[in-house]
Each structure stands twice: as C-alpha cells, then as structure tokens.
PDB file of N, CA and C in Angstrom:
ATOM      1  N   MET A   1     -18.357  32.398  22.473  1.00  0.00           N
ATOM      2  CA  MET A   1     -17.796  32.159  23.779  1.00  0.00           C
ATOM      3  C   MET A   1     -16.262  32.077  23.691  1.00  0.00           C
ATOM      4  N   TRP A   2     -15.707  31.331  22.721  1.00  0.00           N
ATOM      5  CA  TRP A   2     -14.254  31.211  22.597  1.00  0.00           C
ATOM      6  C   TRP A   2     -13.621  32.540  22.215  1.00  0.00           C
ATOM      7  N   GLU A   3     -14.293  33.285  21.316  1.00  0.00           N
ATOM      8  CA  GLU A   3     -13.745  34.579  20.908  1.00  0.00           C
ATOM      9  C   GLU A   3     -13.760  35.562  22.076  1.00  0.00           C
ATOM     10  N   GLU A   4     -14.820  35.530  22.877  1.00  0.00           N
ATOM     11  CA  GLU A   4     -14.900  36.411  24.039  1.00  0.00           C
ATOM     12  C   GLU A   4     -13.795  36.096  25.047  1.00  0.00           C
ATOM     13  N   ALA A   5     -13.382  34.837  25.096  1.00  0.00           N
ATOM     14  CA  ALA A   5     -12.322  34.420  26.019  1.00  0.00           C
ATOM     15  C   ALA A   5     -10.929  34.601  25.416  1.00  0.00           C
ATOM     16  N   ASP A   6     -10.853  35.165  24.188  1.00  0.00           N
ATOM     17  CA  ASP A   6      -9.580  35.348  23.477  1.00  0.00           C
ATOM     18  C   ASP A   6      -8.825  34.033  23.309  1.00  0.00           C
ATOM     19  N   ALA A   7      -9.560  32.947  23.070  1.00  0.00           N
ATOM     20  CA  ALA A   7      -8.946  31.629  22.929  1.00  0.00           C
ATOM     21  C   ALA A   7      -8.068  31.514  21.689  1.00  0.00           C
ATOM     22  N   PHE A   8      -8.301  32.349  20.684  1.00  0.00           N
ATOM     23  CA  PHE A   8      -7.541  32.262  19.438  1.00  0.00           C
ATOM     24  C   PHE A   8      -6.539  33.403  19.296  1.00  0.00           C
ATOM     25  N   ARG A   9      -6.169  34.023  20.385  1.00  0.00           N
ATOM     26  CA  ARG A   9      -5.237  35.147  20.369  1.00  0.00           C
ATOM     27  C   ARG A   9      -3.927  34.710  21.013  1.00  0.00           C
ATOM     28  N   ALA A  10      -2.819  35.090  20.387  1.00  0.00           N
ATOM     29  CA  ALA A  10      -1.520  34.780  20.989  1.00  0.00           C
ATOM     30  C   ALA A  10      -1.446  35.422  22.364  1.00  0.00           C
ATOM     31  N   GLY A  11      -0.900  34.695  23.292  1.00  0.00           N
ATOM     32  CA  GLY A  11      -0.750  35.226  24.639  1.00  0.00           C
ATOM     33  C   GLY A  11      -1.910  34.906  25.556  1.00  0.00           C
ATOM     34  N   ALA A  12      -2.935  34.222  25.052  1.00  0.00           N
ATOM     35  CA  ALA A  12      -4.080  33.881  25.899  1.00  0.00           C
ATOM     36  C   ALA A  12      -3.601  33.022  27.067  1.00  0.00           C
ATOM     37  N   GLY A  13      -3.821  33.480  28.264  1.00  0.00           N
ATOM     38  CA  GLY A  13      -3.440  32.739  29.461  1.00  0.00           C
ATOM     39  C   GLY A  13      -1.966  32.846  29.816  1.00  0.00           C
ATOM     40  N   ALA A  14      -1.205  33.652  29.071  1.00  0.00           N
ATOM     41  CA  ALA A  14       0.232  33.783  29.344  1.00  0.00           C
ATOM     42  C   ALA A  14       0.461  34.638  30.581  1.00  0.00           C
ATOM     43  N   GLU A  15       1.527  34.314  31.289  1.00  0.00           N
ATOM     44  CA  GLU A  15       1.914  35.123  32.434  1.00  0.00           C
ATOM     45  C   GLU A  15       2.508  36.437  31.937  1.00  0.00           C
ATOM     46  N   GLU A  16       2.416  37.474  32.735  1.00  0.00           N
ATOM     47  CA  GLU A  16       2.958  38.786  32.377  1.00  0.00           C
ATOM     48  C   GLU A  16       4.454  38.675  32.099  1.00  0.00           C
ATOM     49  N   GLY A  17       4.890  39.153  30.921  1.00  0.00           N
ATOM     50  CA  GLY A  17       6.300  39.115  30.545  1.00  0.00           C
ATOM     51  C   GLY A  17       6.822  37.731  30.209  1.00  0.00           C
ATOM     52  N   ALA A  18       5.916  36.804  29.901  1.00  0.00           N
ATOM     53  CA  ALA A  18       6.312  35.419  29.639  1.00  0.00           C
ATOM     54  C   ALA A  18       7.146  35.296  28.371  1.00  0.00           C
ATOM     55  N   GLU A  19       8.014  34.296  28.362  1.00  0.00           N
ATOM     56  CA  GLU A  19       8.816  33.972  27.189  1.00  0.00           C
ATOM     57  C   GLU A  19       7.892  33.506  26.063  1.00  0.00           C
ATOM     58  N   ALA A  20       8.222  33.871  24.838  1.00  0.00           N
ATOM     59  CA  ALA A  20       7.402  33.479  23.687  1.00  0.00           C
ATOM     60  C   ALA A  20       7.751  32.069  23.229  1.00  0.00           C
ATOM     61  N   PHE A  21       6.749  31.351  22.708  1.00  0.00           N
ATOM     62  CA  PHE A  21       6.930  30.032  22.102  1.00  0.00           C
ATOM     63  C   PHE A  21       6.043  29.995  20.871  1.00  0.00           C
ATOM     64  N   THR A  22       6.642  29.756  19.700  1.00  0.00           N
ATOM     65  CA  THR A  22       5.897  29.783  18.446  1.00  0.00           C
ATOM     66  C   THR A  22       6.225  28.570  17.601  1.00  0.00           C
ATOM     67  N   ILE A  23       5.203  27.984  16.981  1.00  0.00           N
ATOM     68  CA  ILE A  23       5.362  26.925  15.985  1.00  0.00           C
ATOM     69  C   ILE A  23       4.613  27.383  14.743  1.00  0.00           C
ATOM     70  N   VAL A  24       5.265  27.238  13.583  1.00  0.00           N
ATOM     71  CA  VAL A  24       4.629  27.605  12.319  1.00  0.00           C
ATOM     72  C   VAL A  24       4.066  26.346  11.678  1.00  0.00           C
ATOM     73  N   ILE A  25       2.780  26.383  11.342  1.00  0.00           N
ATOM     74  CA  ILE A  25       2.096  25.247  10.726  1.00  0.00           C
ATOM     75  C   ILE A  25       2.225  25.355   9.214  1.00  0.00           C
ATOM     76  N   PRO A  26       2.822  24.350   8.545  1.00  0.00           N
ATOM     77  CA  PRO A  26       2.843  24.405   7.088  1.00  0.00           C
ATOM     78  C   PRO A  26       1.436  24.217   6.520  1.00  0.00           C
ATOM     79  N   PRO A  27       1.200  24.683   5.310  1.00  0.00           N
ATOM     80  CA  PRO A  27      -0.116  24.519   4.696  1.00  0.00           C
ATOM     81  C   PRO A  27      -0.353  23.069   4.292  1.00  0.00           C
ATOM     82  N   PRO A  28      -1.577  22.728   3.898  1.00  0.00           N
ATOM     83  CA  PRO A  28      -1.854  21.364   3.441  1.00  0.00           C
ATOM     84  C   PRO A  28      -0.941  20.978   2.283  1.00  0.00           C
ATOM     85  N   ASN A  29      -0.624  19.711   2.197  1.00  0.00           N
ATOM     86  CA  ASN A  29       0.279  19.196   1.178  1.00  0.00           C
ATOM     87  C   ASN A  29      -0.487  18.942  -0.115  1.00  0.00           C
ATOM     88  N   VAL A  30      -0.233  19.755  -1.139  1.00  0.00           N
ATOM     89  CA  VAL A  30      -0.933  19.616  -2.413  1.00  0.00           C
ATOM     90  C   VAL A  30      -0.240  18.597  -3.312  1.00  0.00           C
ATOM     91  N   THR A  31       0.965  18.165  -2.940  1.00  0.00           N
ATOM     92  CA  THR A  31       1.742  17.277  -3.806  1.00  0.00           C
ATOM     93  C   THR A  31       1.385  15.807  -3.644  1.00  0.00           C
ATOM     94  N   GLY A  32       0.572  15.449  -2.709  1.00  0.00           N
ATOM     95  CA  GLY A  32       0.222  14.045  -2.503  1.00  0.00           C
ATOM     96  C   GLY A  32      -0.884  13.899  -1.484  1.00  0.00           C
ATOM     97  N   SER A  33      -1.175  12.659  -1.126  1.00  0.00           N
ATOM     98  CA  SER A  33      -2.252  12.397  -0.172  1.00  0.00           C
ATOM     99  C   SER A  33      -1.725  12.496   1.263  1.00  0.00           C
ATOM    100  N   LEU A  34      -2.637  12.759   2.155  1.00  0.00           N
ATOM    101  CA  LEU A  34      -2.276  12.826   3.568  1.00  0.00           C
ATOM    102  C   LEU A  34      -2.018  11.420   4.084  1.00  0.00           C
ATOM    103  N   HIS A  35      -1.128  11.292   5.053  1.00  0.00           N
ATOM    104  CA  HIS A  35      -0.809   9.987   5.623  1.00  0.00           C
ATOM    105  C   HIS A  35      -0.598  10.128   7.127  1.00  0.00           C
ATOM    106  N   MET A  36      -0.283   9.031   7.784  1.00  0.00           N
ATOM    107  CA  MET A  36      -0.144   9.031   9.244  1.00  0.00           C
ATOM    108  C   MET A  36       0.962   9.976   9.717  1.00  0.00           C
ATOM    109  N   GLY A  37       1.968  10.199   8.885  1.00  0.00           N
ATOM    110  CA  GLY A  37       3.033  11.133   9.258  1.00  0.00           C
ATOM    111  C   GLY A  37       2.513  12.543   9.457  1.00  0.00           C
ATOM    112  N   HIS A  38       1.563  12.955   8.601  1.00  0.00           N
ATOM    113  CA  HIS A  38       0.956  14.275   8.757  1.00  0.00           C
ATOM    114  C   HIS A  38       0.190  14.352  10.079  1.00  0.00           C
ATOM    115  N   ALA A  39      -0.572  13.305  10.380  1.00  0.00           N
ATOM    116  CA  ALA A  39      -1.345  13.282  11.627  1.00  0.00           C
ATOM    117  C   ALA A  39      -0.411  13.311  12.837  1.00  0.00           C
ATOM    118  N   LEU A  40       0.679  12.537  12.772  1.00  0.00           N
ATOM    119  CA  LEU A  40       1.632  12.517  13.878  1.00  0.00           C
ATOM    120  C   LEU A  40       2.273  13.888  14.067  1.00  0.00           C
ATOM    121  N   ASN A  41       2.677  14.517  12.979  1.00  0.00           N
ATOM    122  CA  ASN A  41       3.301  15.837  13.053  1.00  0.00           C
ATOM    123  C   ASN A  41       2.363  16.851  13.716  1.00  0.00           C
ATOM    124  N   ASN A  42       1.109  16.874  13.281  1.00  0.00           N
ATOM    125  CA  ASN A  42       0.146  17.817  13.868  1.00  0.00           C
ATOM    126  C   ASN A  42      -0.128  17.499  15.333  1.00  0.00           C
ATOM    127  N   THR A  43      -0.172  16.213  15.670  1.00  0.00           N
ATOM    128  CA  THR A  43      -0.399  15.808  17.057  1.00  0.00           C
ATOM    129  C   THR A  43       0.752  16.262  17.949  1.00  0.00           C
ATOM    130  N   LEU A  44       1.984  16.065  17.478  1.00  0.00           N
ATOM    131  CA  LEU A  44       3.144  16.487  18.267  1.00  0.00           C
ATOM    132  C   LEU A  44       3.178  17.999  18.453  1.00  0.00           C
ATOM    133  N   GLN A  45       2.849  18.738  17.393  1.00  0.00           N
ATOM    134  CA  GLN A  45       2.802  20.195  17.515  1.00  0.00           C
ATOM    135  C   GLN A  45       1.741  20.615  18.528  1.00  0.00           C
ATOM    136  N   ASP A  46       0.580  19.968  18.483  1.00  0.00           N
ATOM    137  CA  ASP A  46      -0.502  20.288  19.413  1.00  0.00           C
ATOM    138  C   ASP A  46      -0.067  20.035  20.855  1.00  0.00           C
ATOM    139  N   ILE A  47       0.611  18.920  21.082  1.00  0.00           N
ATOM    140  CA  ILE A  47       1.089  18.593  22.427  1.00  0.00           C
ATOM    141  C   ILE A  47       2.073  19.652  22.920  1.00  0.00           C
ATOM    142  N   LEU A  48       3.035  20.016  22.064  1.00  0.00           N
ATOM    143  CA  LEU A  48       4.031  21.019  22.457  1.00  0.00           C
ATOM    144  C   LEU A  48       3.396  22.367  22.765  1.00  0.00           C
ATOM    145  N   VAL A  49       2.460  22.787  21.917  1.00  0.00           N
ATOM    146  CA  VAL A  49       1.805  24.078  22.107  1.00  0.00           C
ATOM    147  C   VAL A  49       1.008  24.096  23.409  1.00  0.00           C
ATOM    148  N   ARG A  50       0.242  23.047  23.656  1.00  0.00           N
ATOM    149  CA  ARG A  50      -0.553  22.992  24.893  1.00  0.00           C
ATOM    150  C   ARG A  50       0.344  22.947  26.130  1.00  0.00           C
ATOM    151  N   PHE A  51       1.431  22.174  26.055  1.00  0.00           N
ATOM    152  CA  PHE A  51       2.357  22.063  27.182  1.00  0.00           C
ATOM    153  C   PHE A  51       2.988  23.411  27.513  1.00  0.00           C
ATOM    154  N   GLU A  52       3.475  24.100  26.487  1.00  0.00           N
ATOM    155  CA  GLU A  52       4.112  25.396  26.722  1.00  0.00           C
ATOM    156  C   GLU A  52       3.104  26.433  27.209  1.00  0.00           C
ATOM    157  N   ARG A  53       1.864  26.348  26.739  1.00  0.00           N
ATOM    158  CA  ARG A  53       0.827  27.267  27.227  1.00  0.00           C
ATOM    159  C   ARG A  53       0.536  26.990  28.699  1.00  0.00           C
ATOM    160  N   MET A  54       0.494  25.708  29.082  1.00  0.00           N
ATOM    161  CA  MET A  54       0.262  25.370  30.492  1.00  0.00           C
ATOM    162  C   MET A  54       1.412  25.847  31.372  1.00  0.00           C
ATOM    163  N   ARG A  55       2.611  25.972  30.795  1.00  0.00           N
ATOM    164  CA  ARG A  55       3.764  26.481  31.537  1.00  0.00           C
ATOM    165  C   ARG A  55       3.739  27.996  31.647  1.00  0.00           C
ATOM    166  N   GLY A  56       2.723  28.637  31.044  1.00  0.00           N
ATOM    167  CA  GLY A  56       2.556  30.077  31.173  1.00  0.00           C
ATOM    168  C   GLY A  56       3.215  30.896  30.086  1.00  0.00           C
ATOM    169  N   LYS A  57       3.752  30.233  29.047  1.00  0.00           N
ATOM    170  CA  LYS A  57       4.420  30.975  27.977  1.00  0.00           C
ATOM    171  C   LYS A  57       3.411  31.648  27.058  1.00  0.00           C
ATOM    172  N   ASN A  58       3.876  32.676  26.363  1.00  0.00           N
ATOM    173  CA  ASN A  58       3.087  33.393  25.366  1.00  0.00           C
ATOM    174  C   ASN A  58       3.164  32.587  24.074  1.00  0.00           C
ATOM    175  N   VAL A  59       2.162  31.747  23.807  1.00  0.00           N
ATOM    176  CA  VAL A  59       2.219  30.750  22.736  1.00  0.00           C
ATOM    177  C   VAL A  59       1.423  31.192  21.516  1.00  0.00           C
ATOM    178  N   LEU A  60       2.014  30.962  20.343  1.00  0.00           N
ATOM    179  CA  LEU A  60       1.334  31.200  19.075  1.00  0.00           C
ATOM    180  C   LEU A  60       1.582  30.010  18.159  1.00  0.00           C
ATOM    181  N   TRP A  61       0.505  29.381  17.687  1.00  0.00           N
ATOM    182  CA  TRP A  61       0.580  28.281  16.718  1.00  0.00           C
ATOM    183  C   TRP A  61       0.100  28.881  15.411  1.00  0.00           C
ATOM    184  N   GLN A  62       1.028  29.342  14.587  1.00  0.00           N
ATOM    185  CA  GLN A  62       0.754  30.198  13.435  1.00  0.00           C
ATOM    186  C   GLN A  62       0.725  29.424  12.122  1.00  0.00           C
ATOM    187  N   PRO A  63      -0.375  29.541  11.349  1.00  0.00           N
ATOM    188  CA  PRO A  63      -0.355  28.968  10.000  1.00  0.00           C
ATOM    189  C   PRO A  63       0.770  29.608   9.193  1.00  0.00           C
ATOM    190  N   GLY A  64       1.505  28.785   8.446  1.00  0.00           N
ATOM    191  CA  GLY A  64       2.691  29.279   7.764  1.00  0.00           C
ATOM    192  C   GLY A  64       2.553  29.370   6.265  1.00  0.00           C
ATOM    193  N   MET A  65       3.708  29.502   5.626  1.00  0.00           N
ATOM    194  CA  MET A  65       3.767  29.602   4.175  1.00  0.00           C
ATOM    195  C   MET A  65       4.197  28.255   3.603  1.00  0.00           C
ATOM    196  N   ASP A  66       4.013  28.098   2.311  1.00  0.00           N
ATOM    197  CA  ASP A  66       4.320  26.838   1.650  1.00  0.00           C
ATOM    198  C   ASP A  66       5.799  26.501   1.771  1.00  0.00           C
ATOM    199  N   HIS A  67       6.087  25.320   2.288  1.00  0.00           N
ATOM    200  CA  HIS A  67       7.463  24.868   2.441  1.00  0.00           C
ATOM    201  C   HIS A  67       7.916  24.008   1.265  1.00  0.00           C
ATOM    202  N   ALA A  68       7.029  23.764   0.319  1.00  0.00           N
ATOM    203  CA  ALA A  68       7.336  22.919  -0.839  1.00  0.00           C
ATOM    204  C   ALA A  68       6.846  23.613  -2.104  1.00  0.00           C
ATOM    205  N   GLY A  69       7.195  24.875  -2.257  1.00  0.00           N
ATOM    206  CA  GLY A  69       6.657  25.694  -3.340  1.00  0.00           C
ATOM    207  C   GLY A  69       6.947  25.184  -4.729  1.00  0.00           C
ATOM    208  N   ILE A  70       8.167  24.703  -4.976  1.00  0.00           N
ATOM    209  CA  ILE A  70       8.519  24.242  -6.321  1.00  0.00           C
ATOM    210  C   ILE A  70       7.724  22.991  -6.676  1.00  0.00           C
ATOM    211  N   ALA A  71       7.648  22.037  -5.769  1.00  0.00           N
ATOM    212  CA  ALA A  71       6.881  20.816  -6.038  1.00  0.00           C
ATOM    213  C   ALA A  71       5.405  21.137  -6.220  1.00  0.00           C
ATOM    214  N   THR A  72       4.880  22.046  -5.424  1.00  0.00           N
ATOM    215  CA  THR A  72       3.482  22.452  -5.555  1.00  0.00           C
ATOM    216  C   THR A  72       3.238  23.104  -6.902  1.00  0.00           C
ATOM    217  N   GLN A  73       4.133  23.967  -7.313  1.00  0.00           N
ATOM    218  CA  GLN A  73       3.997  24.633  -8.609  1.00  0.00           C
ATOM    219  C   GLN A  73       3.974  23.614  -9.742  1.00  0.00           C
ATOM    220  N   MET A  74       4.810  22.591  -9.673  1.00  0.00           N
ATOM    221  CA  MET A  74       4.842  21.564 -10.725  1.00  0.00           C
ATOM    222  C   MET A  74       3.515  20.819 -10.815  1.00  0.00           C
ATOM    223  N   VAL A  75       2.935  20.470  -9.666  1.00  0.00           N
ATOM    224  CA  VAL A  75       1.656  19.756  -9.651  1.00  0.00           C
ATOM    225  C   VAL A  75       0.563  20.621 -10.263  1.00  0.00           C
ATOM    226  N   VAL A  76       0.512  21.885  -9.871  1.00  0.00           N
ATOM    227  CA  VAL A  76      -0.513  22.792 -10.387  1.00  0.00           C
ATOM    228  C   VAL A  76      -0.330  23.010 -11.886  1.00  0.00           C
ATOM    229  N   GLU A  77       0.905  23.194 -12.343  1.00  0.00           N
ATOM    230  CA  GLU A  77       1.152  23.395 -13.776  1.00  0.00           C
ATOM    231  C   GLU A  77       0.733  22.183 -14.596  1.00  0.00           C
ATOM    232  N   ARG A  78       0.996  20.981 -14.092  1.00  0.00           N
ATOM    233  CA  ARG A  78       0.567  19.760 -14.804  1.00  0.00           C
ATOM    234  C   ARG A  78      -0.949  19.718 -14.950  1.00  0.00           C
ATOM    235  N   GLN A  79      -1.649  20.121 -13.901  1.00  0.00           N
ATOM    236  CA  GLN A  79      -3.113  20.092 -13.955  1.00  0.00           C
ATOM    237  C   GLN A  79      -3.656  21.148 -14.905  1.00  0.00           C
ATOM    238  N   LEU A  80      -2.949  22.258 -15.063  1.00  0.00           N
ATOM    239  CA  LEU A  80      -3.407  23.322 -15.949  1.00  0.00           C
ATOM    240  C   LEU A  80      -3.133  23.012 -17.415  1.00  0.00           C
ATOM    241  N   MET A  81      -2.151  22.195 -17.699  1.00  0.00           N
ATOM    242  CA  MET A  81      -1.764  21.929 -19.092  1.00  0.00           C
ATOM    243  C   MET A  81      -2.475  20.756 -19.678  1.00  0.00           C
TER     244      MET A  81
END
C-alpha cells in the first residue's frame, strides 16, 4: 500500500515545481552506544522533514555516508587485531 502510494519516493505529495528540501541521515554510530542525543537528532530531522513536506516542498530524507570514518576505522581495526 505505501509503495503504491509512492510514500518512499522523493517528491511524494510535492506541489508542481516545488522548492527542494533535503536532509542527509548519517549512518549508525559504530564508535559508541546510542544515547538520547541520537534520538533527539532523529526526532528533530523527522519534524523538519514532515513540516516541509506539509508545506508542499519536494522533500528527500536521504541516508548518508559515514561522517566519522577515521574513528570508525580505528574501532574496526582494534576488533580485527
């Protein structure tokens, strides 16, 4: 039902020629445990995305690339050695 409604496609419900609004979601944090800051960050992003979509913008909430690559690499290397 959601796929038929294009619920997971950028531009779903956007007005014709609408301004784009995009937020990039960082991947899960491999360097430590999740905490309330992570939950707050995701909640704020969700609020912004829904608000801009309700305003008719062409919204995309895109999974992103690792923003902490060096720290992640160190953690993985320690586990491998």
